[in-house]
Amino acid sequence: MKKILIAIALIGVSMSIHAQKYFTKEGKIAFSSDAPLEKIEAHNNKATSVIDVESGRMEFALLIKAFQFEKALMQEHFNENYMESSKFPKAIFKGQVVNMDEINLSKDGTYPAKVKGELTIHGVTNEVETEGVFEVKDGNISAQSAFEVAVADYDIEIPAVVRDNIAKIVLIDVNVNYQKLDR
């Protein structure tokens, strides 16, 4: 009986060692709206992300007010008029790297990733699917992706007076460097 308990304990320890998580508190998320009359860009360098290597589960969270714009007035309008960041302070993604079994984060290389999950912006949640890349170099893991979001899909209203200044489809760029999450 004692040998069985020791074997179960060893299996549990080896499984917890295998279940590795990586995180960042400094993920970079940028978006651009390239409309005929104006190009708008903003950057947020404070996105939090966690990935569980064993399961492929991935989560992102970022504060909307942390987006920085070239012009202070654009930032003010973005937060107050469009994103209503006092009412909807965060954007959240919860999903899965669906091809995690094809990615070896313990070996240097570049690995294509397919990601699927739910993106919540402005209090509205939609299913999203996108592709990205994991890069492993000298034990360091980074991930990049770019995808498009339709402003209307997230109930973000654009006043008629500036409708031509803001694109209906916004490009989102994601760039994160992960560190091992030590427990």
N, C-alpha and C. Protein backbone atom coordinates (compact mmCIF):
# COMPACT_ATOMS: atom_id res chain seq x y z
N MET A 1 0.82 -1.19 0.00
CA MET A 1 0.00 0.00 0.00
C MET A 1 0.87 1.27 0.00
N LYS A 2 1.94 1.21 0.80
CA LYS A 2 2.84 2.36 0.90
C LYS A 2 3.49 2.64 -0.46
N LYS A 3 3.86 1.58 -1.20
CA LYS A 3 4.47 1.75 -2.53
C LYS A 3 3.49 2.38 -3.51
N ILE A 4 2.22 2.03 -3.42
CA ILE A 4 1.20 2.61 -4.30
C ILE A 4 1.05 4.10 -4.03
N LEU A 5 1.03 4.49 -2.75
CA LEU A 5 0.91 5.91 -2.40
C LEU A 5 2.11 6.69 -2.87
N ILE A 6 3.30 6.11 -2.76
CA ILE A 6 4.51 6.79 -3.24
C ILE A 6 4.45 6.94 -4.76
N ALA A 7 4.02 5.90 -5.46
CA ALA A 7 3.90 5.97 -6.92
C ALA A 7 2.90 7.05 -7.34
N ILE A 8 1.76 7.12 -6.66
CA ILE A 8 0.75 8.15 -6.98
C ILE A 8 1.32 9.54 -6.72
N ALA A 9 2.05 9.71 -5.62
CA ALA A 9 2.66 11.01 -5.31
C ALA A 9 3.67 11.41 -6.38
N LEU A 10 4.50 10.46 -6.81
CA LEU A 10 5.48 10.76 -7.85
C LEU A 10 4.82 11.13 -9.17
N ILE A 11 3.74 10.45 -9.53
CA ILE A 11 3.01 10.78 -10.75
C ILE A 11 2.45 12.19 -10.64
N GLY A 12 1.89 12.54 -9.49
CA GLY A 12 1.34 13.89 -9.28
C GLY A 12 2.40 14.96 -9.39
N VAL A 13 3.58 14.69 -8.82
CA VAL A 13 4.69 15.66 -8.91
C VAL A 13 5.13 15.81 -10.35
N SER A 14 5.29 14.71 -11.07
CA SER A 14 5.73 14.80 -12.46
C SER A 14 4.70 15.51 -13.33
N MET A 15 3.42 15.32 -13.04
CA MET A 15 2.38 16.00 -13.82
C MET A 15 2.40 17.49 -13.54
N SER A 16 2.63 17.91 -12.29
CA SER A 16 2.64 19.34 -11.99
C SER A 16 3.88 20.01 -12.57
N ILE A 17 4.98 19.26 -12.68
CA ILE A 17 6.17 19.81 -13.31
C ILE A 17 5.91 20.00 -14.80
N HIS A 18 5.19 19.06 -15.40
CA HIS A 18 4.87 19.14 -16.83
C HIS A 18 3.91 20.28 -17.15
N ALA A 19 2.98 20.58 -16.27
CA ALA A 19 1.97 21.61 -16.52
C ALA A 19 2.61 22.98 -16.32
N GLN A 20 3.25 23.48 -17.35
CA GLN A 20 3.95 24.75 -17.26
C GLN A 20 3.07 25.88 -17.76
N LYS A 21 3.15 26.98 -17.03
CA LYS A 21 2.44 28.19 -17.44
C LYS A 21 3.45 29.30 -17.65
N TYR A 22 3.14 30.14 -18.62
CA TYR A 22 3.96 31.30 -18.92
C TYR A 22 3.06 32.52 -18.87
N PHE A 23 3.65 33.67 -18.54
CA PHE A 23 2.85 34.88 -18.39
C PHE A 23 3.63 36.13 -18.80
N THR A 24 2.92 37.21 -18.94
CA THR A 24 3.52 38.53 -19.10
C THR A 24 2.57 39.56 -18.52
N LYS A 25 3.15 40.65 -18.04
CA LYS A 25 2.38 41.82 -17.60
C LYS A 25 2.68 43.01 -18.51
N GLU A 26 3.48 42.75 -19.54
CA GLU A 26 3.92 43.83 -20.43
C GLU A 26 3.68 43.49 -21.89
N GLY A 27 2.56 42.82 -22.17
CA GLY A 27 2.22 42.51 -23.54
C GLY A 27 1.90 43.78 -24.31
N LYS A 28 2.25 43.79 -25.57
CA LYS A 28 2.03 44.96 -26.42
C LYS A 28 0.85 44.69 -27.36
N ILE A 29 -0.17 45.52 -27.23
CA ILE A 29 -1.34 45.46 -28.10
C ILE A 29 -1.44 46.81 -28.78
N ALA A 30 -1.55 46.81 -30.08
CA ALA A 30 -1.71 48.06 -30.83
C ALA A 30 -2.91 47.90 -31.75
N PHE A 31 -3.54 49.02 -32.06
CA PHE A 31 -4.59 48.96 -33.07
C PHE A 31 -4.44 50.14 -34.01
N SER A 32 -4.92 49.95 -35.21
CA SER A 32 -4.90 51.04 -36.18
C SER A 32 -6.21 51.05 -36.95
N SER A 33 -6.67 52.26 -37.16
CA SER A 33 -7.88 52.52 -37.93
C SER A 33 -7.43 53.36 -39.12
N ASP A 34 -7.43 52.76 -40.28
CA ASP A 34 -6.93 53.43 -41.48
C ASP A 34 -8.11 53.81 -42.37
N ALA A 35 -8.69 54.98 -42.10
CA ALA A 35 -9.84 55.47 -42.86
C ALA A 35 -9.34 56.45 -43.93
N PRO A 36 -10.17 56.72 -44.95
CA PRO A 36 -9.74 57.63 -46.02
C PRO A 36 -9.28 59.01 -45.54
N LEU A 37 -9.91 59.53 -44.49
CA LEU A 37 -9.57 60.88 -44.05
C LEU A 37 -8.53 60.94 -42.93
N GLU A 38 -8.34 59.83 -42.22
CA GLU A 38 -7.44 59.89 -41.09
C GLU A 38 -6.98 58.49 -40.68
N LYS A 39 -5.70 58.41 -40.28
CA LYS A 39 -5.17 57.16 -39.73
C LYS A 39 -5.01 57.37 -38.23
N ILE A 40 -5.58 56.44 -37.47
CA ILE A 40 -5.52 56.52 -36.01
C ILE A 40 -4.80 55.28 -35.50
N GLU A 41 -3.81 55.50 -34.64
CA GLU A 41 -3.07 54.39 -34.03
C GLU A 41 -2.99 54.60 -32.54
N ALA A 42 -3.00 53.49 -31.80
CA ALA A 42 -2.82 53.54 -30.36
C ALA A 42 -2.05 52.30 -29.91
N HIS A 43 -1.34 52.45 -28.79
CA HIS A 43 -0.50 51.37 -28.27
C HIS A 43 -0.76 51.19 -26.78
N ASN A 44 -0.75 49.93 -26.37
CA ASN A 44 -0.93 49.58 -24.97
C ASN A 44 0.16 48.56 -24.64
N ASN A 45 1.04 48.91 -23.72
CA ASN A 45 2.16 48.04 -23.37
C ASN A 45 1.97 47.35 -22.01
N LYS A 46 0.73 47.27 -21.56
CA LYS A 46 0.47 46.73 -20.23
C LYS A 46 -0.54 45.59 -20.24
N ALA A 47 -0.60 44.87 -21.33
CA ALA A 47 -1.52 43.73 -21.40
C ALA A 47 -0.97 42.57 -20.57
N THR A 48 -1.85 41.90 -19.89
CA THR A 48 -1.49 40.73 -19.11
C THR A 48 -1.94 39.50 -19.88
N SER A 49 -1.09 38.48 -19.92
CA SER A 49 -1.45 37.25 -20.62
C SER A 49 -0.86 36.06 -19.89
N VAL A 50 -1.59 34.95 -19.92
CA VAL A 50 -1.13 33.68 -19.36
C VAL A 50 -1.43 32.59 -20.37
N ILE A 51 -0.48 31.67 -20.53
CA ILE A 51 -0.72 30.51 -21.38
C ILE A 51 -0.30 29.25 -20.62
N ASP A 52 -1.15 28.26 -20.67
CA ASP A 52 -0.87 26.95 -20.08
C ASP A 52 -0.39 26.06 -21.22
N VAL A 53 0.87 25.70 -21.19
CA VAL A 53 1.49 24.95 -22.29
C VAL A 53 0.85 23.58 -22.47
N GLU A 54 0.47 22.95 -21.38
CA GLU A 54 -0.09 21.60 -21.47
C GLU A 54 -1.46 21.60 -22.14
N SER A 55 -2.32 22.51 -21.74
CA SER A 55 -3.70 22.51 -22.26
C SER A 55 -3.87 23.43 -23.47
N GLY A 56 -2.97 24.41 -23.63
CA GLY A 56 -3.12 25.39 -24.71
C GLY A 56 -4.03 26.54 -24.35
N ARG A 57 -4.59 26.54 -23.14
CA ARG A 57 -5.47 27.65 -22.72
C ARG A 57 -4.67 28.94 -22.65
N MET A 58 -5.30 30.01 -23.13
CA MET A 58 -4.64 31.31 -23.20
C MET A 58 -5.62 32.39 -22.79
N GLU A 59 -5.14 33.36 -22.03
CA GLU A 59 -5.98 34.50 -21.65
C GLU A 59 -5.19 35.79 -21.76
N PHE A 60 -5.90 36.85 -22.15
CA PHE A 60 -5.36 38.20 -22.20
C PHE A 60 -6.33 39.13 -21.49
N ALA A 61 -5.81 40.15 -20.84
CA ALA A 61 -6.63 41.21 -20.28
C ALA A 61 -5.85 42.51 -20.39
N LEU A 62 -6.56 43.58 -20.72
CA LEU A 62 -5.90 44.88 -20.77
C LEU A 62 -6.89 45.98 -20.41
N LEU A 63 -6.34 47.02 -19.81
CA LEU A 63 -7.15 48.19 -19.48
C LEU A 63 -7.26 49.07 -20.72
N ILE A 64 -8.47 49.46 -21.04
CA ILE A 64 -8.72 50.31 -22.21
C ILE A 64 -8.03 51.67 -22.05
N LYS A 65 -8.06 52.22 -20.84
CA LYS A 65 -7.45 53.53 -20.60
C LYS A 65 -5.93 53.53 -20.77
N ALA A 66 -5.31 52.36 -20.83
CA ALA A 66 -3.86 52.28 -20.99
C ALA A 66 -3.41 52.48 -22.44
N PHE A 67 -4.35 52.57 -23.38
CA PHE A 67 -3.97 52.86 -24.77
C PHE A 67 -3.46 54.30 -24.85
N GLN A 68 -2.33 54.45 -25.52
CA GLN A 68 -1.71 55.76 -25.70
C GLN A 68 -1.82 56.17 -27.17
N PHE A 69 -2.24 57.41 -27.40
CA PHE A 69 -2.43 57.96 -28.73
C PHE A 69 -1.41 59.06 -28.98
N GLU A 70 -1.21 59.39 -30.24
CA GLU A 70 -0.32 60.49 -30.60
C GLU A 70 -0.88 61.83 -30.10
N LYS A 71 -2.20 61.98 -30.19
CA LYS A 71 -2.85 63.23 -29.78
C LYS A 71 -3.73 62.99 -28.55
N ALA A 72 -3.57 63.83 -27.55
CA ALA A 72 -4.33 63.68 -26.29
C ALA A 72 -5.84 63.76 -26.54
N LEU A 73 -6.27 64.59 -27.47
CA LEU A 73 -7.70 64.72 -27.74
C LEU A 73 -8.28 63.41 -28.31
N MET A 74 -7.51 62.72 -29.15
CA MET A 74 -7.95 61.41 -29.68
C MET A 74 -8.13 60.43 -28.53
N GLN A 75 -7.19 60.43 -27.60
CA GLN A 75 -7.25 59.53 -26.46
C GLN A 75 -8.48 59.83 -25.60
N GLU A 76 -8.76 61.09 -25.39
CA GLU A 76 -9.93 61.49 -24.61
C GLU A 76 -11.22 61.04 -25.29
N HIS A 77 -11.35 61.30 -26.58
CA HIS A 77 -12.55 60.89 -27.32
C HIS A 77 -12.70 59.37 -27.34
N PHE A 78 -11.59 58.67 -27.53
CA PHE A 78 -11.59 57.21 -27.54
C PHE A 78 -12.17 56.67 -26.23
N ASN A 79 -11.68 57.17 -25.11
CA ASN A 79 -12.11 56.67 -23.80
C ASN A 79 -13.52 57.12 -23.42
N GLU A 80 -13.85 58.37 -23.69
CA GLU A 80 -15.14 58.90 -23.24
C GLU A 80 -16.28 58.63 -24.21
N ASN A 81 -16.07 58.85 -25.49
CA ASN A 81 -17.16 58.79 -26.46
C ASN A 81 -17.36 57.43 -27.12
N TYR A 82 -16.28 56.71 -27.40
CA TYR A 82 -16.41 55.49 -28.17
C TYR A 82 -16.35 54.24 -27.28
N MET A 83 -15.28 54.10 -26.52
CA MET A 83 -15.09 52.89 -25.72
C MET A 83 -15.77 52.94 -24.36
N GLU A 84 -16.16 54.13 -23.93
CA GLU A 84 -16.80 54.30 -22.62
C GLU A 84 -16.02 53.52 -21.56
N SER A 85 -14.73 53.82 -21.47
CA SER A 85 -13.84 53.01 -20.64
C SER A 85 -14.13 53.09 -19.14
N SER A 86 -14.88 54.07 -18.68
CA SER A 86 -15.30 54.07 -17.28
C SER A 86 -16.34 52.98 -17.04
N LYS A 87 -17.18 52.74 -18.03
CA LYS A 87 -18.22 51.73 -17.94
C LYS A 87 -17.70 50.33 -18.32
N PHE A 88 -16.80 50.29 -19.31
CA PHE A 88 -16.22 49.03 -19.81
C PHE A 88 -14.69 49.14 -19.75
N PRO A 89 -14.11 48.98 -18.55
CA PRO A 89 -12.68 49.28 -18.37
C PRO A 89 -11.70 48.30 -19.01
N LYS A 90 -12.13 47.07 -19.31
CA LYS A 90 -11.19 46.05 -19.80
C LYS A 90 -11.63 45.42 -21.11
N ALA A 91 -10.65 44.95 -21.83
CA ALA A 91 -10.88 44.03 -22.95
C ALA A 91 -10.27 42.72 -22.52
N ILE A 92 -10.97 41.61 -22.81
CA ILE A 92 -10.52 40.29 -22.35
C ILE A 92 -10.64 39.28 -23.48
N PHE A 93 -9.63 38.45 -23.60
CA PHE A 93 -9.68 37.31 -24.51
C PHE A 93 -9.47 36.05 -23.68
N LYS A 94 -10.33 35.05 -23.87
CA LYS A 94 -10.17 33.74 -23.25
C LYS A 94 -10.31 32.71 -24.35
N GLY A 95 -9.26 31.92 -24.53
CA GLY A 95 -9.34 30.96 -25.62
C GLY A 95 -8.34 29.84 -25.51
N GLN A 96 -8.03 29.29 -26.67
CA GLN A 96 -7.26 28.07 -26.76
C GLN A 96 -6.36 28.12 -27.98
N VAL A 97 -5.12 27.69 -27.82
CA VAL A 97 -4.26 27.42 -28.97
C VAL A 97 -4.66 26.02 -29.41
N VAL A 98 -5.40 25.92 -30.51
CA VAL A 98 -6.01 24.64 -30.88
C VAL A 98 -5.01 23.63 -31.45
N ASN A 99 -3.84 24.10 -31.87
CA ASN A 99 -2.83 23.18 -32.39
C ASN A 99 -1.61 23.11 -31.46
N MET A 100 -1.85 23.21 -30.16
CA MET A 100 -0.75 23.21 -29.18
C MET A 100 0.10 21.95 -29.28
N ASP A 101 -0.49 20.84 -29.69
CA ASP A 101 0.26 19.59 -29.81
C ASP A 101 1.32 19.64 -30.92
N GLU A 102 1.25 20.65 -31.79
CA GLU A 102 2.23 20.81 -32.87
C GLU A 102 3.33 21.81 -32.51
N ILE A 103 3.24 22.39 -31.31
CA ILE A 103 4.16 23.45 -30.90
C ILE A 103 5.04 22.94 -29.76
N ASN A 104 6.35 23.06 -29.93
CA ASN A 104 7.29 22.61 -28.91
C ASN A 104 8.00 23.84 -28.32
N LEU A 105 7.45 24.36 -27.22
CA LEU A 105 8.00 25.57 -26.62
C LEU A 105 9.29 25.32 -25.85
N SER A 106 9.75 24.08 -25.81
CA SER A 106 11.02 23.78 -25.14
C SER A 106 12.17 23.70 -26.14
N LYS A 107 11.87 23.94 -27.43
CA LYS A 107 12.89 23.83 -28.48
C LYS A 107 12.87 25.09 -29.34
N ASP A 108 14.06 25.66 -29.60
CA ASP A 108 14.16 26.85 -30.44
C ASP A 108 13.48 26.61 -31.78
N GLY A 109 12.75 27.61 -32.24
CA GLY A 109 12.10 27.52 -33.54
C GLY A 109 10.94 28.48 -33.63
N THR A 110 10.33 28.51 -34.80
CA THR A 110 9.15 29.33 -35.05
C THR A 110 8.00 28.39 -35.35
N TYR A 111 6.89 28.58 -34.63
CA TYR A 111 5.77 27.65 -34.71
C TYR A 111 4.47 28.39 -35.02
N PRO A 112 3.81 28.06 -36.13
CA PRO A 112 2.51 28.66 -36.42
C PRO A 112 1.48 28.19 -35.39
N ALA A 113 0.61 29.10 -35.00
CA ALA A 113 -0.41 28.79 -34.00
C ALA A 113 -1.79 29.17 -34.53
N LYS A 114 -2.76 28.35 -34.18
CA LYS A 114 -4.16 28.65 -34.49
C LYS A 114 -4.85 28.87 -33.15
N VAL A 115 -5.48 30.03 -33.02
CA VAL A 115 -6.10 30.42 -31.76
C VAL A 115 -7.59 30.65 -31.96
N LYS A 116 -8.36 30.15 -31.01
CA LYS A 116 -9.81 30.30 -31.06
C LYS A 116 -10.30 30.62 -29.66
N GLY A 117 -11.25 31.56 -29.57
CA GLY A 117 -11.77 31.88 -28.25
C GLY A 117 -12.79 33.00 -28.30
N GLU A 118 -13.00 33.60 -27.14
CA GLU A 118 -13.98 34.68 -27.00
C GLU A 118 -13.28 35.99 -26.66
N LEU A 119 -13.58 37.01 -27.43
CA LEU A 119 -13.03 38.35 -27.22
C LEU A 119 -14.15 39.25 -26.72
N THR A 120 -13.92 39.88 -25.57
CA THR A 120 -14.90 40.80 -24.99
C THR A 120 -14.34 42.21 -25.05
N ILE A 121 -15.05 43.08 -25.76
CA ILE A 121 -14.71 44.49 -25.87
C ILE A 121 -16.00 45.27 -25.71
N HIS A 122 -15.96 46.35 -24.94
CA HIS A 122 -17.12 47.24 -24.80
C HIS A 122 -18.35 46.47 -24.29
N GLY A 123 -18.10 45.46 -23.46
CA GLY A 123 -19.18 44.68 -22.87
C GLY A 123 -19.81 43.65 -23.79
N VAL A 124 -19.28 43.48 -24.99
CA VAL A 124 -19.83 42.54 -25.97
C VAL A 124 -18.79 41.44 -26.21
N THR A 125 -19.25 40.19 -26.21
CA THR A 125 -18.37 39.05 -26.42
C THR A 125 -18.69 38.39 -27.75
N ASN A 126 -17.64 38.15 -28.53
CA ASN A 126 -17.76 37.47 -29.82
C ASN A 126 -16.70 36.38 -29.94
N GLU A 127 -17.04 35.34 -30.69
CA GLU A 127 -16.08 34.29 -31.01
C GLU A 127 -15.09 34.85 -32.03
N VAL A 128 -13.81 34.55 -31.83
CA VAL A 128 -12.79 34.93 -32.80
C VAL A 128 -11.88 33.75 -33.08
N GLU A 129 -11.36 33.71 -34.28
CA GLU A 129 -10.35 32.74 -34.69
C GLU A 129 -9.28 33.51 -35.43
N THR A 130 -8.04 33.23 -35.11
CA THR A 130 -6.95 33.90 -35.79
C THR A 130 -5.73 33.00 -35.80
N GLU A 131 -4.74 33.41 -36.53
CA GLU A 131 -3.47 32.69 -36.57
C GLU A 131 -2.39 33.59 -36.02
N GLY A 132 -1.38 32.98 -35.52
CA GLY A 132 -0.25 33.71 -34.96
C GLY A 132 0.99 32.87 -35.05
N VAL A 133 2.02 33.31 -34.34
CA VAL A 133 3.30 32.62 -34.36
C VAL A 133 3.90 32.65 -32.95
N PHE A 134 4.37 31.49 -32.51
CA PHE A 134 5.21 31.42 -31.32
C PHE A 134 6.64 31.32 -31.80
N GLU A 135 7.53 32.06 -31.15
CA GLU A 135 8.95 31.95 -31.46
C GLU A 135 9.69 31.64 -30.17
N VAL A 136 10.52 30.61 -30.23
CA VAL A 136 11.34 30.22 -29.09
C VAL A 136 12.79 30.44 -29.49
N LYS A 137 13.51 31.22 -28.68
CA LYS A 137 14.92 31.49 -28.96
C LYS A 137 15.66 31.55 -27.63
N ASP A 138 16.61 30.67 -27.46
CA ASP A 138 17.41 30.58 -26.23
C ASP A 138 16.52 30.47 -24.99
N GLY A 139 15.45 29.71 -25.10
CA GLY A 139 14.55 29.49 -23.98
C GLY A 139 13.53 30.59 -23.75
N ASN A 140 13.61 31.68 -24.52
CA ASN A 140 12.65 32.79 -24.41
C ASN A 140 11.50 32.56 -25.39
N ILE A 141 10.28 32.79 -24.92
CA ILE A 141 9.09 32.55 -25.74
C ILE A 141 8.39 33.86 -26.03
N SER A 142 8.14 34.09 -27.31
CA SER A 142 7.35 35.27 -27.71
C SER A 142 6.22 34.80 -28.61
N ALA A 143 5.20 35.63 -28.71
CA ALA A 143 4.05 35.31 -29.57
C ALA A 143 3.60 36.58 -30.28
N GLN A 144 3.21 36.43 -31.53
CA GLN A 144 2.70 37.54 -32.33
C GLN A 144 1.45 37.10 -33.07
N SER A 145 0.56 38.07 -33.27
CA SER A 145 -0.63 37.82 -34.07
C SER A 145 -1.16 39.15 -34.57
N ALA A 146 -1.90 39.11 -35.63
CA ALA A 146 -2.60 40.29 -36.15
C ALA A 146 -3.96 39.80 -36.66
N PHE A 147 -4.99 40.54 -36.30
CA PHE A 147 -6.33 40.18 -36.74
C PHE A 147 -7.19 41.43 -36.81
N GLU A 148 -8.33 41.29 -37.45
CA GLU A 148 -9.22 42.43 -37.64
C GLU A 148 -10.47 42.30 -36.77
N VAL A 149 -10.97 43.46 -36.35
CA VAL A 149 -12.18 43.52 -35.54
C VAL A 149 -13.11 44.56 -36.17
N ALA A 150 -14.36 44.19 -36.37
CA ALA A 150 -15.36 45.14 -36.87
C ALA A 150 -15.91 45.92 -35.69
N VAL A 151 -15.82 47.23 -35.75
CA VAL A 151 -16.26 48.11 -34.67
C VAL A 151 -17.73 47.84 -34.33
N ALA A 152 -18.55 47.66 -35.32
CA ALA A 152 -19.99 47.44 -35.11
C ALA A 152 -20.28 46.14 -34.36
N ASP A 153 -19.41 45.13 -34.49
CA ASP A 153 -19.61 43.86 -33.80
C ASP A 153 -19.54 44.00 -32.28
N TYR A 154 -18.98 45.11 -31.81
CA TYR A 154 -18.83 45.33 -30.37
C TYR A 154 -19.66 46.52 -29.89
N ASP A 155 -20.67 46.86 -30.65
CA ASP A 155 -21.61 47.94 -30.29
C ASP A 155 -20.90 49.26 -29.97
N ILE A 156 -19.84 49.54 -30.70
CA ILE A 156 -19.14 50.82 -30.55
C ILE A 156 -19.73 51.77 -31.57
N GLU A 157 -20.39 52.80 -31.07
CA GLU A 157 -21.07 53.74 -31.96
C GLU A 157 -20.14 54.89 -32.34
N ILE A 158 -20.11 55.17 -33.63
CA ILE A 158 -19.31 56.27 -34.15
C ILE A 158 -20.27 57.36 -34.62
N PRO A 159 -20.18 58.57 -34.05
CA PRO A 159 -21.07 59.65 -34.47
C PRO A 159 -20.91 59.97 -35.97
N ALA A 160 -22.01 60.34 -36.57
CA ALA A 160 -22.02 60.62 -38.02
C ALA A 160 -21.00 61.67 -38.42
N VAL A 161 -20.77 62.64 -37.58
CA VAL A 161 -19.87 63.75 -37.91
C VAL A 161 -18.42 63.29 -38.12
N VAL A 162 -18.02 62.17 -37.49
CA VAL A 162 -16.64 61.67 -37.65
C VAL A 162 -16.60 60.28 -38.27
N ARG A 163 -17.72 59.80 -38.77
CA ARG A 163 -17.80 58.44 -39.31
C ARG A 163 -16.78 58.17 -40.41
N ASP A 164 -16.47 59.16 -41.24
CA ASP A 164 -15.50 58.98 -42.32
C ASP A 164 -14.05 58.99 -41.82
N ASN A 165 -13.86 59.40 -40.56
CA ASN A 165 -12.51 59.47 -40.00
C ASN A 165 -12.08 58.16 -39.34
N ILE A 166 -13.04 57.27 -39.10
CA ILE A 166 -12.74 56.03 -38.38
C ILE A 166 -13.14 54.84 -39.24
N ALA A 167 -12.22 53.91 -39.40
CA ALA A 167 -12.47 52.72 -40.22
C ALA A 167 -13.50 51.82 -39.55
N LYS A 168 -14.27 51.14 -40.36
CA LYS A 168 -15.26 50.19 -39.84
C LYS A 168 -14.60 48.91 -39.33
N ILE A 169 -13.42 48.61 -39.88
CA ILE A 169 -12.63 47.45 -39.48
C ILE A 169 -11.30 47.97 -38.91
N VAL A 170 -10.96 47.51 -37.71
CA VAL A 170 -9.74 47.94 -37.04
C VAL A 170 -8.77 46.77 -36.98
N LEU A 171 -7.49 47.05 -37.27
CA LEU A 171 -6.45 46.03 -37.21
C LEU A 171 -5.85 46.00 -35.81
N ILE A 172 -5.80 44.80 -35.22
CA ILE A 172 -5.22 44.60 -33.89
C ILE A 172 -3.91 43.84 -34.04
N ASP A 173 -2.83 44.36 -33.46
CA ASP A 173 -1.53 43.69 -33.46
C ASP A 173 -1.19 43.28 -32.03
N VAL A 174 -0.77 42.04 -31.86
CA VAL A 174 -0.42 41.50 -30.55
C VAL A 174 1.03 41.05 -30.59
N ASN A 175 1.80 41.44 -29.56
CA ASN A 175 3.20 41.05 -29.47
C ASN A 175 3.53 40.88 -27.99
N VAL A 176 3.81 39.65 -27.57
CA VAL A 176 4.09 39.39 -26.16
C VAL A 176 5.36 38.57 -26.00
N ASN A 177 6.05 38.83 -24.90
CA ASN A 177 7.20 38.04 -24.48
C ASN A 177 6.84 37.40 -23.16
N TYR A 178 6.82 36.08 -23.13
CA TYR A 178 6.39 35.34 -21.95
C TYR A 178 7.59 34.98 -21.06
N GLN A 179 7.31 34.91 -19.75
CA GLN A 179 8.26 34.38 -18.78
C GLN A 179 7.59 33.18 -18.10
N LYS A 180 8.40 32.27 -17.63
CA LYS A 180 7.88 31.09 -16.94
C LYS A 180 7.24 31.54 -15.63
N LEU A 181 6.06 31.02 -15.36
CA LEU A 181 5.34 31.33 -14.13
C LEU A 181 5.78 30.33 -13.07
N ASP A 182 6.55 30.82 -12.11
CA ASP A 182 7.01 29.96 -11.02
C ASP A 182 6.01 30.04 -9.89
N ARG A 183 5.68 28.90 -9.35
CA ARG A 183 4.68 28.86 -8.27
C ARG A 183 5.33 28.95 -6.93
